[in-house]
Amino acid sequence: MNIGIELAPALRQPKIIVEEKRKNVVNDVPNVILTLKNKESLVITSDAYHGIIMGREMYRCVFCKMEIELNSKSKELHKNIAKHKKILEDYPHLEDFGQNLIRKMDKSSYYCTLCTVIVSSMLVFRHTSSESHIQQLKRAISKSSTYTPSQ
């Protein structure tokens, strides 16, 4: 029997609130210049280098496996703590992937610094030859020829 009342799912917050939180996040992320062994330079965001991915309601550090409040101050604090810097040293970019900037996370996954995604070990070679990855690589190379660090 339908009495014309629509029920909303229990404990579900309106999508608008999440979108408002994301709008308030400043997207002025600093860049870093990476110089490879072959002397080629790439410019990527500091977040990408540090493994910081923006989720719906939080940032996530893929290396520390922790969530960070969705604000620039908390994110920058996390990137500068000694524990994060030490953990980051345990995940160097793999030389076998060269300018593709791939880091091995564990036996079954890799982190692509250019695309800020985690890919399975079975798909990492497919990922590095994908159109989206190639575009990100071209963008990082292109930025290196015009980028000047801010003081």
Protein backbone atom coordinates (compact mmCIF):
# COMPACT_ATOMS: atom_id res chain seq x y z
CA MET A 1 0.00 0.00 0.00
CA ASN A 2 1.56 3.29 -1.13
CA ILE A 3 0.59 6.31 0.96
CA GLY A 4 2.75 8.81 -0.94
CA ILE A 5 5.55 9.30 1.59
CA GLU A 6 9.14 9.09 0.38
CA LEU A 7 11.60 7.77 2.91
CA ALA A 8 15.23 8.90 2.88
CA PRO A 9 17.93 6.40 3.80
CA ALA A 10 18.77 6.55 7.51
CA LEU A 11 21.86 8.53 8.60
CA ARG A 12 22.66 9.75 5.13
CA GLN A 13 23.96 13.30 4.90
CA PRO A 14 22.97 15.45 1.97
CA LYS A 15 25.51 15.49 -0.86
CA ILE A 16 25.51 19.30 -0.81
CA ILE A 17 27.44 19.40 2.48
CA VAL A 18 30.26 17.26 1.09
CA GLU A 19 30.44 19.39 -2.06
CA GLU A 20 30.55 22.57 0.06
CA LYS A 21 33.50 21.18 2.04
CA ARG A 22 35.35 20.40 -1.18
CA LYS A 23 34.64 23.89 -2.59
CA ASN A 24 36.27 25.46 0.48
CA VAL A 25 39.53 23.60 -0.12
CA VAL A 26 42.18 25.81 -1.68
CA ASN A 27 43.58 24.20 -4.80
CA ASP A 28 46.73 26.33 -4.79
CA VAL A 29 49.05 23.38 -4.27
CA PRO A 30 52.78 24.09 -4.45
CA ASN A 31 54.84 22.30 -7.07
CA VAL A 32 58.09 20.38 -6.75
CA ILE A 33 60.78 19.94 -9.36
CA LEU A 34 62.17 16.42 -9.68
CA THR A 35 65.47 16.00 -11.48
CA LEU A 36 65.96 12.47 -12.76
CA LYS A 37 69.31 10.70 -13.09
CA ASN A 38 69.33 11.46 -16.83
CA LYS A 39 69.14 15.20 -15.87
CA GLU A 40 65.56 15.48 -17.17
CA SER A 41 63.27 17.57 -14.96
CA LEU A 42 59.59 17.06 -14.19
CA VAL A 43 57.29 19.40 -12.29
CA ILE A 44 54.52 17.82 -10.24
CA THR A 45 52.38 18.95 -7.34
CA SER A 46 53.73 18.62 -3.84
CA ASP A 47 50.62 16.59 -2.96
CA ALA A 48 51.33 14.07 -5.72
CA TYR A 49 54.95 13.71 -4.61
CA HIS A 50 53.90 13.17 -1.00
CA GLY A 51 51.15 10.68 -1.86
CA ILE A 52 48.29 12.93 -0.76
CA ILE A 53 45.02 12.11 -2.48
CA MET A 54 41.82 14.12 -2.03
CA GLY A 55 38.83 12.01 -1.06
CA ARG A 56 35.23 13.10 -0.75
CA GLU A 57 35.55 14.37 2.82
CA MET A 58 39.22 13.90 3.74
CA TYR A 59 42.71 13.87 2.30
CA ARG A 60 44.47 10.52 2.46
CA CYS A 61 48.21 9.87 2.65
CA VAL A 62 48.76 6.65 0.73
CA PHE A 63 52.16 6.06 2.36
CA CYS A 64 51.26 6.71 6.01
CA LYS A 65 47.81 5.17 5.45
CA MET A 66 46.13 7.92 7.36
CA GLU A 67 43.34 10.38 6.77
CA ILE A 68 43.93 14.12 7.05
CA GLU A 69 41.37 16.86 7.56
CA LEU A 70 40.22 18.47 4.34
CA ASN A 71 42.11 21.74 4.82
CA SER A 72 45.43 22.98 3.51
CA LYS A 73 46.96 23.63 6.94
CA SER A 74 46.47 20.03 8.14
CA LYS A 75 47.74 18.67 4.85
CA GLU A 76 50.90 20.81 4.88
CA LEU A 77 51.54 19.92 8.53
CA HIS A 78 51.33 16.23 7.67
CA LYS A 79 53.78 16.58 4.77
CA ASN A 80 56.32 18.24 7.07
CA ILE A 81 56.29 15.85 10.04
CA ALA A 82 59.40 13.71 10.45
CA LYS A 83 57.43 10.44 10.53
CA HIS A 84 55.90 11.11 7.09
CA LYS A 85 59.28 12.12 5.64
CA LYS A 86 60.87 8.93 7.00
CA ILE A 87 58.07 6.75 5.60
CA LEU A 88 58.39 8.50 2.23
CA GLU A 89 62.05 7.44 2.07
CA ASP A 90 60.88 3.81 2.17
CA TYR A 91 59.03 4.32 -1.14
CA PRO A 92 61.54 5.57 -3.72
CA HIS A 93 60.58 6.01 -7.35
CA LEU A 94 61.60 2.85 -9.18
CA GLU A 95 64.42 3.33 -11.68
CA ASP A 96 62.94 0.67 -13.98
CA PHE A 97 60.02 3.01 -14.67
CA GLY A 98 62.21 6.08 -15.32
CA GLN A 99 60.25 9.27 -15.88
CA ASN A 100 56.93 7.51 -15.20
CA LEU A 101 57.46 8.11 -11.45
CA ILE A 102 56.16 4.80 -10.10
CA ARG A 103 56.63 3.74 -6.46
CA LYS A 104 56.06 0.21 -5.21
CA MET A 105 53.59 0.17 -2.32
CA ASP A 106 53.55 -3.56 -1.56
CA LYS A 107 53.58 -6.89 -3.41
CA SER A 108 50.39 -6.15 -5.28
CA SER A 109 50.20 -2.38 -5.79
CA TYR A 110 52.07 0.64 -7.08
CA TYR A 111 51.56 4.39 -6.70
CA CYS A 112 51.78 6.57 -9.80
CA THR A 113 53.04 9.97 -8.70
CA LEU A 114 52.07 11.62 -11.98
CA CYS A 115 48.44 10.49 -11.89
CA THR A 116 48.06 10.21 -8.08
CA VAL A 117 46.52 6.76 -8.35
CA ILE A 118 47.25 3.35 -6.92
CA VAL A 119 47.34 0.59 -9.52
CA SER A 120 47.64 -3.15 -9.12
CA SER A 121 50.90 -4.85 -10.03
CA MET A 122 49.10 -6.62 -12.88
CA LEU A 123 48.08 -3.29 -14.44
CA VAL A 124 51.08 -1.04 -13.77
CA PHE A 125 52.59 -1.46 -17.27
CA ARG A 126 49.20 -0.91 -18.90
CA HIS A 127 48.74 2.19 -16.76
CA THR A 128 52.08 3.72 -17.81
CA SER A 129 51.16 3.30 -21.47
CA SER A 130 47.61 4.66 -21.04
CA GLU A 131 46.63 7.92 -22.71
CA SER A 132 45.81 9.63 -19.40
CA HIS A 133 49.22 8.75 -17.92
CA ILE A 134 51.06 9.88 -21.06
CA GLN A 135 49.19 13.21 -20.93
CA GLN A 136 50.19 13.70 -17.28
CA LEU A 137 53.81 12.93 -18.16
CA LYS A 138 53.75 15.42 -21.04
CA ARG A 139 52.26 18.02 -18.70
CA ALA A 140 55.02 17.43 -16.10
CA ILE A 141 57.73 17.73 -18.78
CA SER A 142 56.13 20.84 -20.26
CA LYS A 143 55.85 22.54 -16.87
CA SER A 144 59.56 21.97 -16.25
CA SER A 145 60.49 24.24 -19.16
CA THR A 146 58.39 27.16 -17.91
CA TYR A 147 58.12 26.70 -14.16
CA THR A 148 59.89 29.09 -11.80
CA PRO A 149 59.62 28.40 -8.08
CA SER A 150 57.97 31.08 -5.95
CA GLN A 151 60.09 32.66 -3.26
